Amino acid sequence: MNASGIVITIGSTLLSGASASAAGASEFEPPVRLEAAGKPIDVEIGHAAPYVYDFDGDGKRDLLVGQFGGGKLRIYRNEGTNAAPTYGEPQWFMAGDAVATVPAG
């Protein structure tokens, strides 16, 4: 779930952002398949872990997608607006000159 209540599908992984009603109950919106650079967003080996955050400090919420495969993080910069995001080509999160990873096991 993310703070903006965005509902996203990444590959075959469905994630629903819940918005709390006045009574405190959760309501779920239908899923939306997100695209980046005109292609559906997908990850290696599944277990996508998306998060919406202004990664580059430009005031627009970018999409960060962690994946189990290789323990890597993709950054999709928002080329649109917060109200109507458009995501560009992904970039790997880097540690110096290498792609940053979190080992599993």
PDB file of N, CA and C in Angstrom:
ATOM      1  N   MET A   1       0.852  -1.177   0.000  1.00  0.00           N
ATOM      2  CA  MET A   1       0.000   0.000   0.000  1.00  0.00           C
ATOM      3  C   MET A   1       0.888   1.227   0.000  1.00  0.00           C
ATOM      4  N   ASN A   2       0.457   2.282  -0.701  1.00  0.00           N
ATOM      5  CA  ASN A   2       1.242   3.509  -0.702  1.00  0.00           C
ATOM      6  C   ASN A   2       0.389   4.664  -0.218  1.00  0.00           C
ATOM      7  N   ALA A   3       1.028   5.740   0.148  1.00  0.00           N
ATOM      8  CA  ALA A   3       0.342   6.865   0.766  1.00  0.00           C
ATOM      9  C   ALA A   3      -0.643   7.556  -0.154  1.00  0.00           C
ATOM     10  N   SER A   4      -0.456   7.459  -1.460  1.00  0.00           N
ATOM     11  CA  SER A   4      -1.337   8.169  -2.382  1.00  0.00           C
ATOM     12  C   SER A   4      -2.590   7.389  -2.723  1.00  0.00           C
ATOM     13  N   GLY A   5      -2.728   6.144  -2.250  1.00  0.00           N
ATOM     14  CA  GLY A   5      -3.896   5.345  -2.556  1.00  0.00           C
ATOM     15  C   GLY A   5      -3.896   4.828  -3.979  1.00  0.00           C
ATOM     16  N   ILE A   6      -2.767   4.844  -4.671  1.00  0.00           N
ATOM     17  CA  ILE A   6      -2.665   4.359  -6.041  1.00  0.00           C
ATOM     18  C   ILE A   6      -2.755   2.840  -6.029  1.00  0.00           C
ATOM     19  N   VAL A   7      -3.499   2.290  -6.973  1.00  0.00           N
ATOM     20  CA  VAL A   7      -3.607   0.855  -7.115  1.00  0.00           C
ATOM     21  C   VAL A   7      -2.813   0.468  -8.347  1.00  0.00           C
ATOM     22  N   ILE A   8      -1.887  -0.458  -8.201  1.00  0.00           N
ATOM     23  CA  ILE A   8      -1.037  -0.796  -9.328  1.00  0.00           C
ATOM     24  C   ILE A   8      -0.908  -2.295  -9.500  1.00  0.00           C
ATOM     25  N   THR A   9      -0.696  -2.704 -10.719  1.00  0.00           N
ATOM     26  CA  THR A   9      -0.368  -4.083 -11.033  1.00  0.00           C
ATOM     27  C   THR A   9       1.007  -4.065 -11.657  1.00  0.00           C
ATOM     28  N   ILE A  10       1.919  -4.830 -11.119  1.00  0.00           N
ATOM     29  CA  ILE A  10       3.258  -4.927 -11.679  1.00  0.00           C
ATOM     30  C   ILE A  10       3.444  -6.384 -12.060  1.00  0.00           C
ATOM     31  N   GLY A  11       3.593  -6.633 -13.361  1.00  0.00           N
ATOM     32  CA  GLY A  11       3.641  -8.006 -13.837  1.00  0.00           C
ATOM     33  C   GLY A  11       2.357  -8.692 -13.445  1.00  0.00           C
ATOM     34  N   SER A  12       2.450  -9.788 -12.730  1.00  0.00           N
ATOM     35  CA  SER A  12       1.250 -10.481 -12.278  1.00  0.00           C
ATOM     36  C   SER A  12       0.962 -10.192 -10.816  1.00  0.00           C
ATOM     37  N   THR A  13       1.688  -9.239 -10.226  1.00  0.00           N
ATOM     38  CA  THR A  13       1.504  -8.902  -8.821  1.00  0.00           C
ATOM     39  C   THR A  13       0.525  -7.750  -8.687  1.00  0.00           C
ATOM     40  N   LEU A  14      -0.543  -7.951  -7.957  1.00  0.00           N
ATOM     41  CA  LEU A  14      -1.560  -6.929  -7.749  1.00  0.00           C
ATOM     42  C   LEU A  14      -1.341  -6.297  -6.389  1.00  0.00           C
ATOM     43  N   LEU A  15      -1.302  -4.976  -6.367  1.00  0.00           N
ATOM     44  CA  LEU A  15      -1.161  -4.241  -5.119  1.00  0.00           C
ATOM     45  C   LEU A  15      -2.273  -3.219  -5.039  1.00  0.00           C
ATOM     46  N   SER A  16      -2.972  -3.176  -3.932  1.00  0.00           N
ATOM     47  CA  SER A  16      -4.085  -2.246  -3.800  1.00  0.00           C
ATOM     48  C   SER A  16      -3.810  -1.262  -2.680  1.00  0.00           C
ATOM     49  N   GLY A  17      -3.897   0.015  -2.997  1.00  0.00           N
ATOM     50  CA  GLY A  17      -3.778   1.051  -1.987  1.00  0.00           C
ATOM     51  C   GLY A  17      -5.158   1.299  -1.402  1.00  0.00           C
ATOM     52  N   ALA A  18      -5.288   1.271  -0.132  1.00  0.00           N
ATOM     53  CA  ALA A  18      -6.583   1.447   0.514  1.00  0.00           C
ATOM     54  C   ALA A  18      -6.737   2.880   0.975  1.00  0.00           C
ATOM     55  N   SER A  19      -7.919   3.417   0.821  1.00  0.00           N
ATOM     56  CA  SER A  19      -8.211   4.747   1.352  1.00  0.00           C
ATOM     57  C   SER A  19      -9.207   4.586   2.481  1.00  0.00           C
ATOM     58  N   ALA A  20      -8.919   5.193   3.591  1.00  0.00           N
ATOM     59  CA  ALA A  20      -9.781   5.049   4.755  1.00  0.00           C
ATOM     60  C   ALA A  20     -10.994   5.957   4.628  1.00  0.00           C
ATOM     61  N   SER A  21     -12.150   5.413   4.913  1.00  0.00           N
ATOM     62  CA  SER A  21     -13.368   6.215   4.889  1.00  0.00           C
ATOM     63  C   SER A  21     -13.514   6.916   6.233  1.00  0.00           C
ATOM     64  N   ALA A  22     -14.521   7.754   6.333  1.00  0.00           N
ATOM     65  CA  ALA A  22     -14.751   8.491   7.587  1.00  0.00           C
ATOM     66  C   ALA A  22     -14.969   7.526   8.739  1.00  0.00           C
ATOM     67  N   ALA A  23     -15.546   6.347   8.454  1.00  0.00           N
ATOM     68  CA  ALA A  23     -15.804   5.362   9.501  1.00  0.00           C
ATOM     69  C   ALA A  23     -14.572   4.514   9.807  1.00  0.00           C
ATOM     70  N   GLY A  24     -13.501   4.684   9.032  1.00  0.00           N
ATOM     71  CA  GLY A  24     -12.280   3.944   9.273  1.00  0.00           C
ATOM     72  C   GLY A  24     -12.179   2.657   8.480  1.00  0.00           C
ATOM     73  N   ALA A  25     -13.188   2.319   7.660  1.00  0.00           N
ATOM     74  CA  ALA A  25     -13.144   1.095   6.858  1.00  0.00           C
ATOM     75  C   ALA A  25     -12.246   1.313   5.644  1.00  0.00           C
ATOM     76  N   SER A  26     -11.701   0.240   5.120  1.00  0.00           N
ATOM     77  CA  SER A  26     -10.859   0.308   3.929  1.00  0.00           C
ATOM     78  C   SER A  26     -11.686  -0.008   2.694  1.00  0.00           C
ATOM     79  N   GLU A  27     -11.434   0.732   1.625  1.00  0.00           N
ATOM     80  CA  GLU A  27     -12.077   0.490   0.345  1.00  0.00           C
ATOM     81  C   GLU A  27     -10.971   0.288  -0.673  1.00  0.00           C
ATOM     82  N   PHE A  28     -11.167  -0.670  -1.584  1.00  0.00           N
ATOM     83  CA  PHE A  28     -10.153  -0.962  -2.581  1.00  0.00           C
ATOM     84  C   PHE A  28     -10.630  -0.530  -3.950  1.00  0.00           C
ATOM     85  N   GLU A  29      -9.734   0.062  -4.710  1.00  0.00           N
ATOM     86  CA  GLU A  29      -9.998   0.481  -6.072  1.00  0.00           C
ATOM     87  C   GLU A  29      -9.627  -0.660  -7.005  1.00  0.00           C
ATOM     88  N   PRO A  30     -10.171  -0.681  -8.219  1.00  0.00           N
ATOM     89  CA  PRO A  30      -9.766  -1.727  -9.163  1.00  0.00           C
ATOM     90  C   PRO A  30      -8.310  -1.530  -9.577  1.00  0.00           C
ATOM     91  N   PRO A  31      -7.625  -2.621  -9.951  1.00  0.00           N
ATOM     92  CA  PRO A  31      -6.206  -2.516 -10.328  1.00  0.00           C
ATOM     93  C   PRO A  31      -6.022  -1.755 -11.628  1.00  0.00           C
ATOM     94  N   VAL A  32      -4.846  -1.154 -11.753  1.00  0.00           N
ATOM     95  CA  VAL A  32      -4.451  -0.424 -12.958  1.00  0.00           C
ATOM     96  C   VAL A  32      -3.077  -0.931 -13.354  1.00  0.00           C
ATOM     97  N   ARG A  33      -2.905  -1.332 -14.617  1.00  0.00           N
ATOM     98  CA  ARG A  33      -1.584  -1.775 -15.076  1.00  0.00           C
ATOM     99  C   ARG A  33      -0.771  -0.539 -15.436  1.00  0.00           C
ATOM    100  N   LEU A  34       0.343  -0.353 -14.751  1.00  0.00           N
ATOM    101  CA  LEU A  34       1.218   0.785 -15.015  1.00  0.00           C
ATOM    102  C   LEU A  34       2.176   0.474 -16.141  1.00  0.00           C
ATOM    103  N   GLU A  35       2.505   1.497 -16.896  1.00  0.00           N
ATOM    104  CA  GLU A  35       3.478   1.374 -17.966  1.00  0.00           C
ATOM    105  C   GLU A  35       4.601   2.374 -17.739  1.00  0.00           C
ATOM    106  N   ALA A  36       5.741   2.038 -18.291  1.00  0.00           N
ATOM    107  CA  ALA A  36       6.898   2.939 -18.301  1.00  0.00           C
ATOM    108  C   ALA A  36       7.463   2.902 -19.706  1.00  0.00           C
ATOM    109  N   ALA A  37       7.623   4.071 -20.289  1.00  0.00           N
ATOM    110  CA  ALA A  37       8.138   4.184 -21.656  1.00  0.00           C
ATOM    111  C   ALA A  37       7.312   3.347 -22.627  1.00  0.00           C
ATOM    112  N   GLY A  38       5.992   3.303 -22.395  1.00  0.00           N
ATOM    113  CA  GLY A  38       5.071   2.619 -23.303  1.00  0.00           C
ATOM    114  C   GLY A  38       4.992   1.111 -23.154  1.00  0.00           C
ATOM    115  N   LYS A  39       5.644   0.524 -22.140  1.00  0.00           N
ATOM    116  CA  LYS A  39       5.621  -0.921 -21.928  1.00  0.00           C
ATOM    117  C   LYS A  39       5.151  -1.224 -20.508  1.00  0.00           C
ATOM    118  N   PRO A  40       4.397  -2.332 -20.312  1.00  0.00           N
ATOM    119  CA  PRO A  40       3.991  -2.703 -18.952  1.00  0.00           C
ATOM    120  C   PRO A  40       5.205  -2.913 -18.052  1.00  0.00           C
ATOM    121  N   ILE A  41       5.092  -2.474 -16.820  1.00  0.00           N
ATOM    122  CA  ILE A  41       6.170  -2.655 -15.847  1.00  0.00           C
ATOM    123  C   ILE A  41       6.134  -4.088 -15.337  1.00  0.00           C
ATOM    124  N   ASP A  42       7.278  -4.739 -15.313  1.00  0.00           N
ATOM    125  CA  ASP A  42       7.396  -6.109 -14.842  1.00  0.00           C
ATOM    126  C   ASP A  42       8.735  -6.248 -14.132  1.00  0.00           C
ATOM    127  N   VAL A  43       8.882  -7.309 -13.345  1.00  0.00           N
ATOM    128  CA  VAL A  43      10.138  -7.554 -12.633  1.00  0.00           C
ATOM    129  C   VAL A  43      10.586  -8.991 -12.842  1.00  0.00           C
ATOM    130  N   GLU A  44      11.869  -9.255 -12.587  1.00  0.00           N
ATOM    131  CA  GLU A  44      12.407 -10.604 -12.677  1.00  0.00           C
ATOM    132  C   GLU A  44      12.009 -11.398 -11.445  1.00  0.00           C
ATOM    133  N   ILE A  45      11.590 -12.620 -11.623  1.00  0.00           N
ATOM    134  CA  ILE A  45      11.293 -13.575 -10.557  1.00  0.00           C
ATOM    135  C   ILE A  45      10.185 -13.090  -9.614  1.00  0.00           C
ATOM    136  N   GLY A  46       9.448 -12.078  -9.973  1.00  0.00           N
ATOM    137  CA  GLY A  46       8.291 -11.664  -9.178  1.00  0.00           C
ATOM    138  C   GLY A  46       8.608 -11.054  -7.839  1.00  0.00           C
ATOM    139  N   HIS A  47       7.657 -11.139  -6.945  1.00  0.00           N
ATOM    140  CA  HIS A  47       7.739 -10.548  -5.610  1.00  0.00           C
ATOM    141  C   HIS A  47       8.054  -9.056  -5.694  1.00  0.00           C
ATOM    142  N   ALA A  48       7.320  -8.332  -6.532  1.00  0.00           N
ATOM    143  CA  ALA A  48       7.549  -6.893  -6.692  1.00  0.00           C
ATOM    144  C   ALA A  48       7.244  -6.163  -5.391  1.00  0.00           C
ATOM    145  N   ALA A  49       8.016  -5.149  -5.120  1.00  0.00           N
ATOM    146  CA  ALA A  49       7.823  -4.321  -3.930  1.00  0.00           C
ATOM    147  C   ALA A  49       7.832  -2.859  -4.367  1.00  0.00           C
ATOM    148  N   PRO A  50       6.663  -2.328  -4.815  1.00  0.00           N
ATOM    149  CA  PRO A  50       6.624  -0.945  -5.292  1.00  0.00           C
ATOM    150  C   PRO A  50       6.460   0.059  -4.158  1.00  0.00           C
ATOM    151  N   TYR A  51       6.947   1.244  -4.414  1.00  0.00           N
ATOM    152  CA  TYR A  51       6.826   2.348  -3.470  1.00  0.00           C
ATOM    153  C   TYR A  51       6.834   3.646  -4.269  1.00  0.00           C
ATOM    154  N   VAL A  52       5.954   4.565  -3.936  1.00  0.00           N
ATOM    155  CA  VAL A  52       5.887   5.855  -4.616  1.00  0.00           C
ATOM    156  C   VAL A  52       6.536   6.899  -3.714  1.00  0.00           C
ATOM    157  N   TYR A  53       7.570   7.583  -4.249  1.00  0.00           N
ATOM    158  CA  TYR A  53       8.363   8.518  -3.450  1.00  0.00           C
ATOM    159  C   TYR A  53       9.072   9.493  -4.383  1.00  0.00           C
ATOM    160  N   ASP A  54       9.215  10.730  -3.964  1.00  0.00           N
ATOM    161  CA  ASP A  54       9.954  11.720  -4.760  1.00  0.00           C
ATOM    162  C   ASP A  54      11.444  11.449  -4.604  1.00  0.00           C
ATOM    163  N   PHE A  55      11.955  10.524  -5.376  1.00  0.00           N
ATOM    164  CA  PHE A  55      13.333  10.053  -5.263  1.00  0.00           C
ATOM    165  C   PHE A  55      14.353  11.129  -5.615  1.00  0.00           C
ATOM    166  N   ASP A  56      14.076  11.923  -6.652  1.00  0.00           N
ATOM    167  CA  ASP A  56      15.069  12.891  -7.133  1.00  0.00           C
ATOM    168  C   ASP A  56      14.820  14.317  -6.658  1.00  0.00           C
ATOM    169  N   GLY A  57      13.840  14.533  -5.778  1.00  0.00           N
ATOM    170  CA  GLY A  57      13.617  15.842  -5.172  1.00  0.00           C
ATOM    171  C   GLY A  57      13.032  16.892  -6.091  1.00  0.00           C
ATOM    172  N   ASP A  58      12.383  16.473  -7.193  1.00  0.00           N
ATOM    173  CA  ASP A  58      11.805  17.456  -8.124  1.00  0.00           C
ATOM    174  C   ASP A  58      10.335  17.773  -7.839  1.00  0.00           C
ATOM    175  N   GLY A  59       9.800  17.231  -6.741  1.00  0.00           N
ATOM    176  CA  GLY A  59       8.408  17.492  -6.371  1.00  0.00           C
ATOM    177  C   GLY A  59       7.416  16.524  -6.982  1.00  0.00           C
ATOM    178  N   LYS A  60       7.870  15.613  -7.838  1.00  0.00           N
ATOM    179  CA  LYS A  60       6.998  14.616  -8.459  1.00  0.00           C
ATOM    180  C   LYS A  60       7.324  13.242  -7.891  1.00  0.00           C
ATOM    181  N   ARG A  61       6.265  12.496  -7.519  1.00  0.00           N
ATOM    182  CA  ARG A  61       6.463  11.168  -6.935  1.00  0.00           C
ATOM    183  C   ARG A  61       6.897  10.173  -8.018  1.00  0.00           C
ATOM    184  N   ASP A  62       8.059   9.586  -7.823  1.00  0.00           N
ATOM    185  CA  ASP A  62       8.607   8.582  -8.717  1.00  0.00           C
ATOM    186  C   ASP A  62       8.176   7.201  -8.214  1.00  0.00           C
ATOM    187  N   LEU A  63       8.283   6.200  -9.084  1.00  0.00           N
ATOM    188  CA  LEU A  63       7.939   4.836  -8.717  1.00  0.00           C
ATOM    189  C   LEU A  63       9.223   4.045  -8.507  1.00  0.00           C
ATOM    190  N   LEU A  64       9.384   3.478  -7.312  1.00  0.00           N
ATOM    191  CA  LEU A  64      10.524   2.626  -6.995  1.00  0.00           C
ATOM    192  C   LEU A  64       9.988   1.203  -6.907  1.00  0.00           C
ATOM    193  N   VAL A  65      10.644   0.277  -7.597  1.00  0.00           N
ATOM    194  CA  VAL A  65      10.174  -1.105  -7.606  1.00  0.00           C
ATOM    195  C   VAL A  65      11.323  -2.033  -7.252  1.00  0.00           C
ATOM    196  N   GLY A  66      11.244  -2.616  -6.059  1.00  0.00           N
ATOM    197  CA  GLY A  66      12.209  -3.620  -5.646  1.00  0.00           C
ATOM    198  C   GLY A  66      11.774  -4.971  -6.186  1.00  0.00           C
ATOM    199  N   GLN A  67      12.734  -5.838  -6.404  1.00  0.00           N
ATOM    200  CA  GLN A  67      12.401  -7.165  -6.907  1.00  0.00           C
ATOM    201  C   GLN A  67      13.212  -8.216  -6.181  1.00  0.00           C
ATOM    202  N   PHE A  68      12.627  -9.392  -6.040  1.00  0.00           N
ATOM    203  CA  PHE A  68      13.325 -10.512  -5.410  1.00  0.00           C
ATOM    204  C   PHE A  68      14.505 -10.957  -6.277  1.00  0.00           C
ATOM    205  N   GLY A  69      14.298 -11.026  -7.596  1.00  0.00           N
ATOM    206  CA  GLY A  69      15.346 -11.465  -8.517  1.00  0.00           C
ATOM    207  C   GLY A  69      16.564 -10.566  -8.441  1.00  0.00           C
ATOM    208  N   GLY A  70      17.627 -11.051  -7.862  1.00  0.00           N
ATOM    209  CA  GLY A  70      18.865 -10.282  -7.750  1.00  0.00           C
ATOM    210  C   GLY A  70      18.866  -9.256  -6.637  1.00  0.00           C
ATOM    211  N   GLY A  71      17.733  -9.090  -5.932  1.00  0.00           N
ATOM    212  CA  GLY A  71      17.667  -8.128  -4.834  1.00  0.00           C
ATOM    213  C   GLY A  71      17.939  -6.704  -5.275  1.00  0.00           C
ATOM    214  N   LYS A  72      17.402  -6.339  -6.458  1.00  0.00           N
ATOM    215  CA  LYS A  72      17.698  -5.026  -7.042  1.00  0.00           C
ATOM    216  C   LYS A  72      16.490  -4.094  -6.954  1.00  0.00           C
ATOM    217  N   LEU A  73      16.742  -2.806  -7.151  1.00  0.00           N
ATOM    218  CA  LEU A  73      15.714  -1.769  -7.103  1.00  0.00           C
ATOM    219  C   LEU A  73      15.737  -0.979  -8.401  1.00  0.00           C
ATOM    220  N   ARG A  74      14.570  -0.889  -9.061  1.00  0.00           N
ATOM    221  CA  ARG A  74      14.431  -0.074 -10.273  1.00  0.00           C
ATOM    222  C   ARG A  74      13.796   1.260  -9.902  1.00  0.00           C
ATOM    223  N   ILE A  75      14.270   2.308 -10.558  1.00  0.00           N
ATOM    224  CA  ILE A  75      13.729   3.648 -10.341  1.00  0.00           C
ATOM    225  C   ILE A  75      13.077   4.098 -11.642  1.00  0.00           C
ATOM    226  N   TYR A  76      11.779   4.395 -11.565  1.00  0.00           N
ATOM    227  CA  TYR A  76      11.034   4.922 -12.702  1.00  0.00           C
ATOM    228  C   TYR A  76      10.720   6.380 -12.382  1.00  0.00           C
ATOM    229  N   ARG A  77      11.417   7.305 -13.016  1.00  0.00           N
ATOM    230  CA  ARG A  77      11.197   8.728 -12.739  1.00  0.00           C
ATOM    231  C   ARG A  77       9.876   9.183 -13.358  1.00  0.00           C
ATOM    232  N   ASN A  78       9.154   9.991 -12.601  1.00  0.00           N
ATOM    233  CA  ASN A  78       7.866  10.518 -13.045  1.00  0.00           C
ATOM    234  C   ASN A  78       8.113  11.683 -13.998  1.00  0.00           C
ATOM    235  N   GLU A  79       7.758  11.491 -15.260  1.00  0.00           N
ATOM    236  CA  GLU A  79       7.914  12.530 -16.272  1.00  0.00           C
ATOM    237  C   GLU A  79       6.623  13.308 -16.475  1.00  0.00           C
ATOM    238  N   GLY A  80       5.583  12.939 -15.731  1.00  0.00           N
ATOM    239  CA  GLY A  80       4.296  13.628 -15.807  1.00  0.00           C
ATOM    240  C   GLY A  80       4.113  14.517 -14.589  1.00  0.00           C
ATOM    241  N   THR A  81       2.953  14.388 -13.955  1.00  0.00           N
ATOM    242  CA  THR A  81       2.639  15.139 -12.742  1.00  0.00           C
ATOM    243  C   THR A  81       2.239  14.148 -11.657  1.00  0.00           C
ATOM    244  N   ASN A  82       2.082  14.623 -10.432  1.00  0.00           N
ATOM    245  CA  ASN A  82       1.609  13.742  -9.366  1.00  0.00           C
ATOM    246  C   ASN A  82       0.184  13.285  -9.630  1.00  0.00           C
ATOM    247  N   ALA A  83      -0.646  14.159 -10.220  1.00  0.00           N
ATOM    248  CA  ALA A  83      -2.034  13.798 -10.516  1.00  0.00           C
ATOM    249  C   ALA A  83      -2.134  12.840 -11.704  1.00  0.00           C
ATOM    250  N   ALA A  84      -1.215  12.946 -12.654  1.00  0.00           N
ATOM    251  CA  ALA A  84      -1.210  12.090 -13.853  1.00  0.00           C
ATOM    252  C   ALA A  84       0.227  11.667 -14.137  1.00  0.00           C
ATOM    253  N   PRO A  85       0.749  10.706 -13.343  1.00  0.00           N
ATOM    254  CA  PRO A  85       2.145  10.308 -13.520  1.00  0.00           C
ATOM    255  C   PRO A  85       2.377   9.592 -14.846  1.00  0.00           C
ATOM    256  N   THR A  86       3.546   9.828 -15.416  1.00  0.00           N
ATOM    257  CA  THR A  86       4.036   9.127 -16.599  1.00  0.00           C
ATOM    258  C   THR A  86       5.456   8.717 -16.274  1.00  0.00           C
ATOM    259  N   TYR A  87       5.732   7.423 -16.368  1.00  0.00           N
ATOM    260  CA  TYR A  87       7.040   6.929 -15.951  1.00  0.00           C
ATOM    261  C   TYR A  87       7.928   6.655 -17.152  1.00  0.00           C
ATOM    262  N   GLY A  88       9.201   7.041 -17.036  1.00  0.00           N
ATOM    263  CA  GLY A  88      10.180   6.846 -18.102  1.00  0.00           C
ATOM    264  C   GLY A  88      10.869   5.500 -17.980  1.00  0.00           C
ATOM    265  N   GLU A  89      11.904   5.319 -18.775  1.00  0.00           N
ATOM    266  CA  GLU A  89      12.707   4.089 -18.747  1.00  0.00           C
ATOM    267  C   GLU A  89      13.263   3.876 -17.337  1.00  0.00           C
ATOM    268  N   PRO A  90      13.308   2.625 -16.884  1.00  0.00           N
ATOM    269  CA  PRO A  90      13.848   2.372 -15.542  1.00  0.00           C
ATOM    270  C   PRO A  90      15.359   2.523 -15.494  1.00  0.00           C
ATOM    271  N   GLN A  91      15.826   2.859 -14.314  1.00  0.00           N
ATOM    272  CA  GLN A  91      17.256   2.896 -14.028  1.00  0.00           C
ATOM    273  C   GLN A  91      17.469   2.082 -12.768  1.00  0.00           C
ATOM    274  N   TRP A  92      18.549   1.345 -12.714  1.00  0.00           N
ATOM    275  CA  TRP A  92      18.864   0.596 -11.503  1.00  0.00           C
ATOM    276  C   TRP A  92      19.379   1.549 -10.427  1.00  0.00           C
ATOM    277  N   PHE A  93      19.064   1.252  -9.184  1.00  0.00           N
ATOM    278  CA  PHE A  93      19.638   1.972  -8.056  1.00  0.00           C
ATOM    279  C   PHE A  93      21.100   1.553  -7.963  1.00  0.00           C
ATOM    280  N   MET A  94      21.980   2.528  -7.947  1.00  0.00           N
ATOM    281  CA  MET A  94      23.409   2.256  -8.018  1.00  0.00           C
ATOM    282  C   MET A  94      24.105   2.511  -6.675  1.00  0.00           C
ATOM    283  N   ALA A  95      25.177   1.766  -6.442  1.00  0.00           N
ATOM    284  CA  ALA A  95      26.083   1.975  -5.309  1.00  0.00           C
ATOM    285  C   ALA A  95      27.462   2.185  -5.922  1.00  0.00           C
ATOM    286  N   GLY A  96      27.840   3.444  -6.094  1.00  0.00           N
ATOM    287  CA  GLY A  96      29.078   3.742  -6.816  1.00  0.00           C
ATOM    288  C   GLY A  96      28.879   3.424  -8.284  1.00  0.00           C
ATOM    289  N   ASP A  97      29.733   2.592  -8.831  1.00  0.00           N
ATOM    290  CA  ASP A  97      29.660   2.211 -10.245  1.00  0.00           C
ATOM    291  C   ASP A  97      28.925   0.896 -10.466  1.00  0.00           C
ATOM    292  N   ALA A  98      28.397   0.278  -9.411  1.00  0.00           N
ATOM    293  CA  ALA A  98      27.750  -1.030  -9.530  1.00  0.00           C
ATOM    294  C   ALA A  98      26.269  -0.931  -9.163  1.00  0.00           C
ATOM    295  N   VAL A  99      25.484  -1.836  -9.739  1.00  0.00           N
ATOM    296  CA  VAL A  99      24.078  -1.939  -9.356  1.00  0.00           C
ATOM    297  C   VAL A  99      24.008  -2.433  -7.917  1.00  0.00           C
ATOM    298  N   ALA A 100      23.281  -1.712  -7.072  1.00  0.00           N
ATOM    299  CA  ALA A 100      23.150  -2.091  -5.670  1.00  0.00           C
ATOM    300  C   ALA A 100      22.250  -3.321  -5.559  1.00  0.00           C
ATOM    301  N   THR A 101      22.605  -4.249  -4.664  1.00  0.00           N
ATOM    302  CA  THR A 101      21.795  -5.440  -4.445  1.00  0.00           C
ATOM    303  C   THR A 101      21.691  -5.738  -2.966  1.00  0.00           C
ATOM    304  N   VAL A 102      20.618  -6.445  -2.634  1.00  0.00           N
ATOM    305  CA  VAL A 102      20.432  -6.966  -1.279  1.00  0.00           C
ATOM    306  C   VAL A 102      20.374  -8.482  -1.419  1.00  0.00           C
ATOM    307  N   PRO A 103      21.410  -9.200  -0.966  1.00  0.00           N
ATOM    308  CA  PRO A 103      21.436 -10.647  -1.154  1.00  0.00           C
ATOM    309  C   PRO A 103      20.325 -11.355  -0.379  1.00  0.00           C
ATOM    310  N   ALA A 104      19.820 -12.436  -0.956  1.00  0.00           N
ATOM    311  CA  ALA A 104      18.806 -13.257  -0.289  1.00  0.00           C
ATOM    312  C   ALA A 104      19.453 -14.537   0.212  1.00  0.00           C
ATOM    313  N   GLY A 105      18.889 -15.064   1.286  1.00  0.00           N
ATOM    314  CA  GLY A 105      19.356 -16.371   1.770  1.00  0.00           C
ATOM    315  C   GLY A 105      20.238 -16.232   2.878  1.00  0.00           C
TER     316      GLY A 105
END
